[in-house]
Each structure stands twice: as structure tokens, then as C-alpha cells.
Amino acid sequence: MKRLLRIHEAVERGRRNEAWRLEYMRELVVLQDAKDEGIEIGREEGILAFIREKKDDGIGSEVILGKLQKYYHLSVEDAKRYMSQA
């Protein structure tokens, strides 16, 4: 029970410490930015893998462009940009 009380007191001190709170918020922002970047990189890799797979299956570029727009909600310009990268 003493250990739990010490933990609770430490948390309360942290909540009252503005410098600690600001640093904590900065770290949260950095972590969220890294997460968002990872999600975007994964999405791009998935799109490129999708294009390569469809090309390997012999599906034409126009059909692939349509599927990219439908499945990934891409504009025509973005779909074409991905097609040129794959």
C-alpha cells in the first residue's frame, strides 16, 4: 500500500509541474508525428505493391488507375504519380 501511495504522490507532483507537463506534451507531439509518418509510408508502400501486383497479373494501366482511385481514394494525378513510381 505504501508503494501505491508513493506512486500516486509522484503522479500528482508531475501533474502540478508545468515544465514537466510541457515536456510531456512535446513528446506526445513527436510520437504522434512519427506514427503519422509511419502510417503514410506504409500506405505508399501498399499502393506501390498493389500496382506491381496488378501489372504482374497483366492488368492494363487504365484499369489500375481506376482501381487506385476507387480503393485508395486518389486523384487522377496522384494515381498517375504512383503508377510512374511503380
PDB file of N, CA and C in Angstrom:
ATOM      1  N   MET A   1       0.817  -1.177   0.000  1.00  0.00           N
ATOM      2  CA  MET A   1       0.000   0.000   0.000  1.00  0.00           C
ATOM      3  C   MET A   1       0.873   1.258   0.000  1.00  0.00           C
ATOM      4  N   LYS A   2       2.016   1.210   0.713  1.00  0.00           N
ATOM      5  CA  LYS A   2       2.915   2.361   0.740  1.00  0.00           C
ATOM      6  C   LYS A   2       3.449   2.683  -0.658  1.00  0.00           C
ATOM      7  N   ARG A   3       3.772   1.650  -1.411  1.00  0.00           N
ATOM      8  CA  ARG A   3       4.300   1.839  -2.754  1.00  0.00           C
ATOM      9  C   ARG A   3       3.265   2.528  -3.637  1.00  0.00           C
ATOM     10  N   LEU A   4       2.024   2.106  -3.549  1.00  0.00           N
ATOM     11  CA  LEU A   4       0.947   2.710  -4.322  1.00  0.00           C
ATOM     12  C   LEU A   4       0.772   4.180  -3.948  1.00  0.00           C
ATOM     13  N   LEU A   5       0.861   4.492  -2.692  1.00  0.00           N
ATOM     14  CA  LEU A   5       0.738   5.878  -2.239  1.00  0.00           C
ATOM     15  C   LEU A   5       1.885   6.726  -2.785  1.00  0.00           C
ATOM     16  N   ARG A   6       3.104   6.172  -2.779  1.00  0.00           N
ATOM     17  CA  ARG A   6       4.254   6.910  -3.317  1.00  0.00           C
ATOM     18  C   ARG A   6       4.091   7.160  -4.815  1.00  0.00           C
ATOM     19  N   ILE A   7       3.587   6.188  -5.519  1.00  0.00           N
ATOM     20  CA  ILE A   7       3.345   6.359  -6.956  1.00  0.00           C
ATOM     21  C   ILE A   7       2.294   7.439  -7.179  1.00  0.00           C
ATOM     22  N   HIS A   8       1.217   7.378  -6.425  1.00  0.00           N
ATOM     23  CA  HIS A   8       0.150   8.373  -6.550  1.00  0.00           C
ATOM     24  C   HIS A   8       0.693   9.779  -6.277  1.00  0.00           C
ATOM     25  N   GLU A   9       1.508   9.933  -5.237  1.00  0.00           N
ATOM     26  CA  GLU A   9       2.086  11.237  -4.906  1.00  0.00           C
ATOM     27  C   GLU A   9       3.004  11.730  -6.017  1.00  0.00           C
ATOM     28  N   ALA A  10       3.786  10.837  -6.600  1.00  0.00           N
ATOM     29  CA  ALA A  10       4.688  11.220  -7.696  1.00  0.00           C
ATOM     30  C   ALA A  10       3.888  11.681  -8.910  1.00  0.00           C
ATOM     31  N   VAL A  11       2.815  11.004  -9.209  1.00  0.00           N
ATOM     32  CA  VAL A  11       1.952  11.408 -10.324  1.00  0.00           C
ATOM     33  C   VAL A  11       1.367  12.787 -10.057  1.00  0.00           C
ATOM     34  N   GLU A  12       0.902  13.011  -8.869  1.00  0.00           N
ATOM     35  CA  GLU A  12       0.331  14.311  -8.516  1.00  0.00           C
ATOM     36  C   GLU A  12       1.374  15.431  -8.631  1.00  0.00           C
ATOM     37  N   ARG A  13       2.603  15.164  -8.194  1.00  0.00           N
ATOM     38  CA  ARG A  13       3.673  16.168  -8.333  1.00  0.00           C
ATOM     39  C   ARG A  13       3.919  16.468  -9.809  1.00  0.00           C
ATOM     40  N   GLY A  14       3.927  15.426 -10.619  1.00  0.00           N
ATOM     41  CA  GLY A  14       4.121  15.608 -12.055  1.00  0.00           C
ATOM     42  C   GLY A  14       3.011  16.434 -12.676  1.00  0.00           C
ATOM     43  N   ARG A  15       1.790  16.198 -12.263  1.00  0.00           N
ATOM     44  CA  ARG A  15       0.655  16.965 -12.801  1.00  0.00           C
ATOM     45  C   ARG A  15       0.748  18.440 -12.442  1.00  0.00           C
ATOM     46  N   ARG A  16       1.302  18.747 -11.305  1.00  0.00           N
ATOM     47  CA  ARG A  16       1.416  20.144 -10.876  1.00  0.00           C
ATOM     48  C   ARG A  16       2.653  20.841 -11.454  1.00  0.00           C
ATOM     49  N   ASN A  17       3.582  20.088 -11.981  1.00  0.00           N
ATOM     50  CA  ASN A  17       4.833  20.637 -12.502  1.00  0.00           C
ATOM     51  C   ASN A  17       4.633  21.043 -13.969  1.00  0.00           C
ATOM     52  N   GLU A  18       4.525  22.341 -14.219  1.00  0.00           N
ATOM     53  CA  GLU A  18       4.228  22.823 -15.566  1.00  0.00           C
ATOM     54  C   GLU A  18       5.334  22.486 -16.565  1.00  0.00           C
ATOM     55  N   ALA A  19       6.586  22.601 -16.164  1.00  0.00           N
ATOM     56  CA  ALA A  19       7.695  22.283 -17.068  1.00  0.00           C
ATOM     57  C   ALA A  19       7.623  20.821 -17.494  1.00  0.00           C
ATOM     58  N   TRP A  20       7.331  19.943 -16.556  1.00  0.00           N
ATOM     59  CA  TRP A  20       7.212  18.519 -16.872  1.00  0.00           C
ATOM     60  C   TRP A  20       6.038  18.292 -17.824  1.00  0.00           C
ATOM     61  N   ARG A  21       4.912  18.966 -17.559  1.00  0.00           N
ATOM     62  CA  ARG A  21       3.735  18.801 -18.416  1.00  0.00           C
ATOM     63  C   ARG A  21       4.020  19.258 -19.839  1.00  0.00           C
ATOM     64  N   LEU A  22       4.721  20.399 -19.988  1.00  0.00           N
ATOM     65  CA  LEU A  22       5.053  20.888 -21.320  1.00  0.00           C
ATOM     66  C   LEU A  22       5.958  19.911 -22.068  1.00  0.00           C
ATOM     67  N   GLU A  23       6.951  19.380 -21.371  1.00  0.00           N
ATOM     68  CA  GLU A  23       7.850  18.403 -21.986  1.00  0.00           C
ATOM     69  C   GLU A  23       7.076  17.137 -22.384  1.00  0.00           C
ATOM     70  N   TYR A  24       6.184  16.718 -21.524  1.00  0.00           N
ATOM     71  CA  TYR A  24       5.355  15.542 -21.814  1.00  0.00           C
ATOM     72  C   TYR A  24       4.520  15.781 -23.072  1.00  0.00           C
ATOM     73  N   MET A  25       3.933  16.966 -23.198  1.00  0.00           N
ATOM     74  CA  MET A  25       3.114  17.282 -24.368  1.00  0.00           C
ATOM     75  C   MET A  25       3.972  17.329 -25.637  1.00  0.00           C
ATOM     76  N   ARG A  26       5.184  17.886 -25.525  1.00  0.00           N
ATOM     77  CA  ARG A  26       6.097  17.913 -26.677  1.00  0.00           C
ATOM     78  C   ARG A  26       6.407  16.486 -27.136  1.00  0.00           C
ATOM     79  N   GLU A  27       6.681  15.623 -26.181  1.00  0.00           N
ATOM     80  CA  GLU A  27       6.986  14.231 -26.518  1.00  0.00           C
ATOM     81  C   GLU A  27       5.793  13.551 -27.184  1.00  0.00           C
ATOM     82  N   LEU A  28       4.601  13.848 -26.702  1.00  0.00           N
ATOM     83  CA  LEU A  28       3.406  13.276 -27.331  1.00  0.00           C
ATOM     84  C   LEU A  28       3.280  13.724 -28.778  1.00  0.00           C
ATOM     85  N   VAL A  29       3.573  14.991 -29.047  1.00  0.00           N
ATOM     86  CA  VAL A  29       3.505  15.510 -30.409  1.00  0.00           C
ATOM     87  C   VAL A  29       4.534  14.813 -31.294  1.00  0.00           C
ATOM     88  N   VAL A  30       5.747  14.660 -30.787  1.00  0.00           N
ATOM     89  CA  VAL A  30       6.801  13.984 -31.555  1.00  0.00           C
ATOM     90  C   VAL A  30       6.392  12.543 -31.867  1.00  0.00           C
ATOM     91  N   LEU A  31       5.873  11.852 -30.874  1.00  0.00           N
ATOM     92  CA  LEU A  31       5.448  10.464 -31.088  1.00  0.00           C
ATOM     93  C   LEU A  31       4.298  10.378 -32.085  1.00  0.00           C
ATOM     94  N   GLN A  32       3.338  11.290 -31.999  1.00  0.00           N
ATOM     95  CA  GLN A  32       2.212  11.278 -32.933  1.00  0.00           C
ATOM     96  C   GLN A  32       2.687  11.573 -34.357  1.00  0.00           C
ATOM     97  N   ASP A  33       3.624  12.511 -34.503  1.00  0.00           N
ATOM     98  CA  ASP A  33       4.174  12.808 -35.827  1.00  0.00           C
ATOM     99  C   ASP A  33       4.871  11.581 -36.414  1.00  0.00           C
ATOM    100  N   ALA A  34       5.634  10.881 -35.590  1.00  0.00           N
ATOM    101  CA  ALA A  34       6.321   9.674 -36.056  1.00  0.00           C
ATOM    102  C   ALA A  34       5.314   8.609 -36.461  1.00  0.00           C
ATOM    103  N   LYS A  35       4.263   8.466 -35.679  1.00  0.00           N
ATOM    104  CA  LYS A  35       3.216   7.493 -36.002  1.00  0.00           C
ATOM    105  C   LYS A  35       2.552   7.849 -37.325  1.00  0.00           C
ATOM    106  N   ASP A  36       2.198   9.121 -37.493  1.00  0.00           N
ATOM    107  CA  ASP A  36       1.558   9.560 -38.732  1.00  0.00           C
ATOM    108  C   ASP A  36       2.459   9.322 -39.943  1.00  0.00           C
ATOM    109  N   GLU A  37       3.756   9.605 -39.773  1.00  0.00           N
ATOM    110  CA  GLU A  37       4.706   9.387 -40.859  1.00  0.00           C
ATOM    111  C   GLU A  37       4.793   7.899 -41.207  1.00  0.00           C
ATOM    112  N   GLY A  38       4.820   7.057 -40.197  1.00  0.00           N
ATOM    113  CA  GLY A  38       4.867   5.616 -40.432  1.00  0.00           C
ATOM    114  C   GLY A  38       3.633   5.115 -41.154  1.00  0.00           C
ATOM    115  N   ILE A  39       2.485   5.649 -40.798  1.00  0.00           N
ATOM    116  CA  ILE A  39       1.240   5.263 -41.465  1.00  0.00           C
ATOM    117  C   ILE A  39       1.295   5.672 -42.933  1.00  0.00           C
ATOM    118  N   GLU A  40       1.771   6.877 -43.203  1.00  0.00           N
ATOM    119  CA  GLU A  40       1.847   7.369 -44.584  1.00  0.00           C
ATOM    120  C   GLU A  40       2.824   6.542 -45.409  1.00  0.00           C
ATOM    121  N   ILE A  41       3.964   6.219 -44.824  1.00  0.00           N
ATOM    122  CA  ILE A  41       4.955   5.391 -45.531  1.00  0.00           C
ATOM    123  C   ILE A  41       4.363   4.019 -45.831  1.00  0.00           C
ATOM    124  N   GLY A  42       3.682   3.439 -44.859  1.00  0.00           N
ATOM    125  CA  GLY A  42       3.049   2.140 -45.075  1.00  0.00           C
ATOM    126  C   GLY A  42       1.986   2.190 -46.154  1.00  0.00           C
ATOM    127  N   ARG A  43       1.209   3.266 -46.183  1.00  0.00           N
ATOM    128  CA  ARG A  43       0.172   3.425 -47.206  1.00  0.00           C
ATOM    129  C   ARG A  43       0.811   3.505 -48.589  1.00  0.00           C
ATOM    130  N   GLU A  44       1.858   4.310 -48.716  1.00  0.00           N
ATOM    131  CA  GLU A  44       2.534   4.448 -50.001  1.00  0.00           C
ATOM    132  C   GLU A  44       3.127   3.120 -50.465  1.00  0.00           C
ATOM    133  N   GLU A  45       3.755   2.395 -49.552  1.00  0.00           N
ATOM    134  CA  GLU A  45       4.323   1.091 -49.908  1.00  0.00           C
ATOM    135  C   GLU A  45       3.224   0.128 -50.336  1.00  0.00           C
ATOM    136  N   GLY A  46       2.083   0.189 -49.660  1.00  0.00           N
ATOM    137  CA  GLY A  46       0.952  -0.667 -50.031  1.00  0.00           C
ATOM    138  C   GLY A  46       0.417  -0.343 -51.410  1.00  0.00           C
ATOM    139  N   ILE A  47       0.327   0.947 -51.725  1.00  0.00           N
ATOM    140  CA  ILE A  47      -0.151   1.351 -53.050  1.00  0.00           C
ATOM    141  C   ILE A  47       0.809   0.862 -54.131  1.00  0.00           C
ATOM    142  N   LEU A  48       2.102   1.051 -53.908  1.00  0.00           N
ATOM    143  CA  LEU A  48       3.092   0.616 -54.898  1.00  0.00           C
ATOM    144  C   LEU A  48       3.081  -0.908 -55.065  1.00  0.00           C
ATOM    145  N   ALA A  49       2.922  -1.630 -53.979  1.00  0.00           N
ATOM    146  CA  ALA A  49       2.846  -3.096 -54.065  1.00  0.00           C
ATOM    147  C   ALA A  49       1.591  -3.510 -54.832  1.00  0.00           C
ATOM    148  N   PHE A  50       0.483  -2.823 -54.601  1.00  0.00           N
ATOM    149  CA  PHE A  50      -0.765  -3.099 -55.315  1.00  0.00           C
ATOM    150  C   PHE A  50      -0.561  -2.911 -56.822  1.00  0.00           C
ATOM    151  N   ILE A  51       0.080  -1.814 -57.213  1.00  0.00           N
ATOM    152  CA  ILE A  51       0.318  -1.540 -58.631  1.00  0.00           C
ATOM    153  C   ILE A  51       1.188  -2.624 -59.250  1.00  0.00           C
ATOM    154  N   ARG A  52       2.283  -2.975 -58.570  1.00  0.00           N
ATOM    155  CA  ARG A  52       3.189  -4.006 -59.107  1.00  0.00           C
ATOM    156  C   ARG A  52       2.468  -5.341 -59.271  1.00  0.00           C
ATOM    157  N   GLU A  53       1.653  -5.691 -58.287  1.00  0.00           N
ATOM    158  CA  GLU A  53       0.916  -6.952 -58.356  1.00  0.00           C
ATOM    159  C   GLU A  53      -0.037  -6.954 -59.549  1.00  0.00           C
ATOM    160  N   LYS A  54      -0.757  -5.857 -59.741  1.00  0.00           N
ATOM    161  CA  LYS A  54      -1.710  -5.782 -60.856  1.00  0.00           C
ATOM    162  C   LYS A  54      -0.988  -5.801 -62.194  1.00  0.00           C
ATOM    163  N   LYS A  55       0.177  -5.128 -62.268  1.00  0.00           N
ATOM    164  CA  LYS A  55       0.958  -5.161 -63.504  1.00  0.00           C
ATOM    165  C   LYS A  55       1.431  -6.579 -63.786  1.00  0.00           C
ATOM    166  N   ASP A  56       1.894  -7.274 -62.730  1.00  0.00           N
ATOM    167  CA  ASP A  56       2.344  -8.662 -62.895  1.00  0.00           C
ATOM    168  C   ASP A  56       1.206  -9.565 -63.353  1.00  0.00           C
ATOM    169  N   ASP A  57      -0.012  -9.232 -62.957  1.00  0.00           N
ATOM    170  CA  ASP A  57      -1.184 -10.003 -63.374  1.00  0.00           C
ATOM    171  C   ASP A  57      -1.638  -9.654 -64.788  1.00  0.00           C
ATOM    172  N   GLY A  58      -0.954  -8.705 -65.416  1.00  0.00           N
ATOM    173  CA  GLY A  58      -1.274  -8.325 -66.785  1.00  0.00           C
ATOM    174  C   GLY A  58      -2.433  -7.348 -66.908  1.00  0.00           C
ATOM    175  N   ILE A  59      -2.771  -6.702 -65.830  1.00  0.00           N
ATOM    176  CA  ILE A  59      -3.873  -5.738 -65.862  1.00  0.00           C
ATOM    177  C   ILE A  59      -3.345  -4.422 -66.435  1.00  0.00           C
ATOM    178  N   GLY A  60      -4.118  -3.812 -67.326  1.00  0.00           N
ATOM    179  CA  GLY A  60      -3.706  -2.590 -68.008  1.00  0.00           C
ATOM    180  C   GLY A  60      -3.676  -1.383 -67.100  1.00  0.00           C
ATOM    181  N   SER A  61      -2.909  -0.397 -67.551  1.00  0.00           N
ATOM    182  CA  SER A  61      -2.704   0.821 -66.761  1.00  0.00           C
ATOM    183  C   SER A  61      -3.999   1.568 -66.479  1.00  0.00           C
ATOM    184  N   GLU A  62      -4.884   1.652 -67.453  1.00  0.00           N
ATOM    185  CA  GLU A  62      -6.136   2.391 -67.252  1.00  0.00           C
ATOM    186  C   GLU A  62      -6.992   1.734 -66.168  1.00  0.00           C
ATOM    187  N   VAL A  63      -7.019   0.412 -66.168  1.00  0.00           N
ATOM    188  CA  VAL A  63      -7.788  -0.313 -65.154  1.00  0.00           C
ATOM    189  C   VAL A  63      -7.161  -0.096 -63.777  1.00  0.00           C
ATOM    190  N   ILE A  64      -5.832  -0.167 -63.718  1.00  0.00           N
ATOM    191  CA  ILE A  64      -5.137   0.046 -62.449  1.00  0.00           C
ATOM    192  C   ILE A  64      -5.407   1.455 -61.942  1.00  0.00           C
ATOM    193  N   LEU A  65      -5.352   2.451 -62.835  1.00  0.00           N
ATOM    194  CA  LEU A  65      -5.644   3.826 -62.421  1.00  0.00           C
ATOM    195  C   LEU A  65      -7.036   3.931 -61.807  1.00  0.00           C
ATOM    196  N   GLY A  66      -7.995   3.292 -62.433  1.00  0.00           N
ATOM    197  CA  GLY A  66      -9.360   3.313 -61.905  1.00  0.00           C
ATOM    198  C   GLY A  66      -9.453   2.663 -60.529  1.00  0.00           C
ATOM    199  N   LYS A  67      -8.755   1.545 -60.368  1.00  0.00           N
ATOM    200  CA  LYS A  67      -8.773   0.850 -59.074  1.00  0.00           C
ATOM    201  C   LYS A  67      -8.097   1.684 -57.991  1.00  0.00           C
ATOM    202  N   LEU A  68      -7.009   2.365 -58.340  1.00  0.00           N
ATOM    203  CA  LEU A  68      -6.333   3.227 -57.372  1.00  0.00           C
ATOM    204  C   LEU A  68      -7.260   4.345 -56.899  1.00  0.00           C
ATOM    205  N   GLN A  69      -7.983   4.916 -57.832  1.00  0.00           N
ATOM    206  CA  GLN A  69      -8.910   5.989 -57.473  1.00  0.00           C
ATOM    207  C   GLN A  69     -10.039   5.457 -56.591  1.00  0.00           C
ATOM    208  N   LYS A  70     -10.513   4.280 -56.922  1.00  0.00           N
ATOM    209  CA  LYS A  70     -11.642   3.711 -56.171  1.00  0.00           C
ATOM    210  C   LYS A  70     -11.211   3.210 -54.794  1.00  0.00           C
ATOM    211  N   TYR A  71     -10.169   2.385 -54.752  1.00  0.00           N
ATOM    212  CA  TYR A  71      -9.789   1.727 -53.499  1.00  0.00           C
ATOM    213  C   TYR A  71      -9.020   2.640 -52.545  1.00  0.00           C
ATOM    214  N   TYR A  72      -8.209   3.532 -53.118  1.00  0.00           N
ATOM    215  CA  TYR A  72      -7.355   4.376 -52.275  1.00  0.00           C
ATOM    216  C   TYR A  72      -7.800   5.830 -52.257  1.00  0.00           C
ATOM    217  N   HIS A  73      -8.879   6.124 -52.952  1.00  0.00           N
ATOM    218  CA  HIS A  73      -9.440   7.484 -52.993  1.00  0.00           C
ATOM    219  C   HIS A  73      -8.405   8.506 -53.458  1.00  0.00           C
ATOM    220  N   LEU A  74      -7.698   8.151 -54.537  1.00  0.00           N
ATOM    221  CA  LEU A  74      -6.669   9.028 -55.082  1.00  0.00           C
ATOM    222  C   LEU A  74      -7.229   9.856 -56.223  1.00  0.00           C
ATOM    223  N   SER A  75      -6.675  11.038 -56.406  1.00  0.00           N
ATOM    224  CA  SER A  75      -6.999  11.833 -57.590  1.00  0.00           C
ATOM    225  C   SER A  75      -6.317  11.181 -58.790  1.00  0.00           C
ATOM    226  N   VAL A  76      -6.724  11.582 -59.973  1.00  0.00           N
ATOM    227  CA  VAL A  76      -6.105  11.042 -61.191  1.00  0.00           C
ATOM    228  C   VAL A  76      -4.611  11.358 -61.190  1.00  0.00           C
ATOM    229  N   GLU A  77      -4.276  12.579 -60.803  1.00  0.00           N
ATOM    230  CA  GLU A  77      -2.869  12.998 -60.790  1.00  0.00           C
ATOM    231  C   GLU A  77      -2.040  12.160 -59.811  1.00  0.00           C
ATOM    232  N   ASP A  78      -2.569  11.945 -58.622  1.00  0.00           N
ATOM    233  CA  ASP A  78      -1.843  11.138 -57.643  1.00  0.00           C
ATOM    234  C   ASP A  78      -1.714   9.693 -58.091  1.00  0.00           C
ATOM    235  N   ALA A  79      -2.788   9.152 -58.671  1.00  0.00           N
ATOM    236  CA  ALA A  79      -2.737   7.767 -59.163  1.00  0.00           C
ATOM    237  C   ALA A  79      -1.673   7.633 -60.243  1.00  0.00           C
ATOM    238  N   LYS A  80      -1.607   8.612 -61.146  1.00  0.00           N
ATOM    239  CA  LYS A  80      -0.593   8.568 -62.210  1.00  0.00           C
ATOM    240  C   LYS A  80       0.810   8.694 -61.624  1.00  0.00           C
ATOM    241  N   ARG A  81       0.958   9.525 -60.609  1.00  0.00           N
ATOM    242  CA  ARG A  81       2.267   9.684 -59.970  1.00  0.00           C
ATOM    243  C   ARG A  81       2.721   8.357 -59.364  1.00  0.00           C
ATOM    244  N   TYR A  82       1.829   7.670 -58.688  1.00  0.00           N
ATOM    245  CA  TYR A  82       2.183   6.354 -58.131  1.00  0.00           C
ATOM    246  C   TYR A  82       2.509   5.356 -59.241  1.00  0.00           C
ATOM    247  N   MET A  83       1.739   5.404 -60.316  1.00  0.00           N
ATOM    248  CA  MET A  83       1.980   4.486 -61.440  1.00  0.00           C
ATOM    249  C   MET A  83       3.397   4.698 -61.991  1.00  0.00           C
ATOM    250  N   SER A  84       3.839   5.948 -62.053  1.00  0.00           N
ATOM    251  CA  SER A  84       5.174   6.219 -62.608  1.00  0.00           C
ATOM    252  C   SER A  84       6.267   5.768 -61.639  1.00  0.00           C
ATOM    253  N   GLN A  85       5.958   5.641 -60.355  1.00  0.00           N
ATOM    254  CA  GLN A  85       6.947   5.203 -59.366  1.00  0.00           C
ATOM    255  C   GLN A  85       7.072   3.685 -59.300  1.00  0.00           C
ATOM    256  N   ALA A  86       6.016   2.991 -59.690  1.00  0.00           N
ATOM    257  CA  ALA A  86       5.993   1.520 -59.517  1.00  0.00           C
ATOM    258  C   ALA A  86       6.708   0.818 -60.668  1.00  0.00           C
TER     259      ALA A  86
END
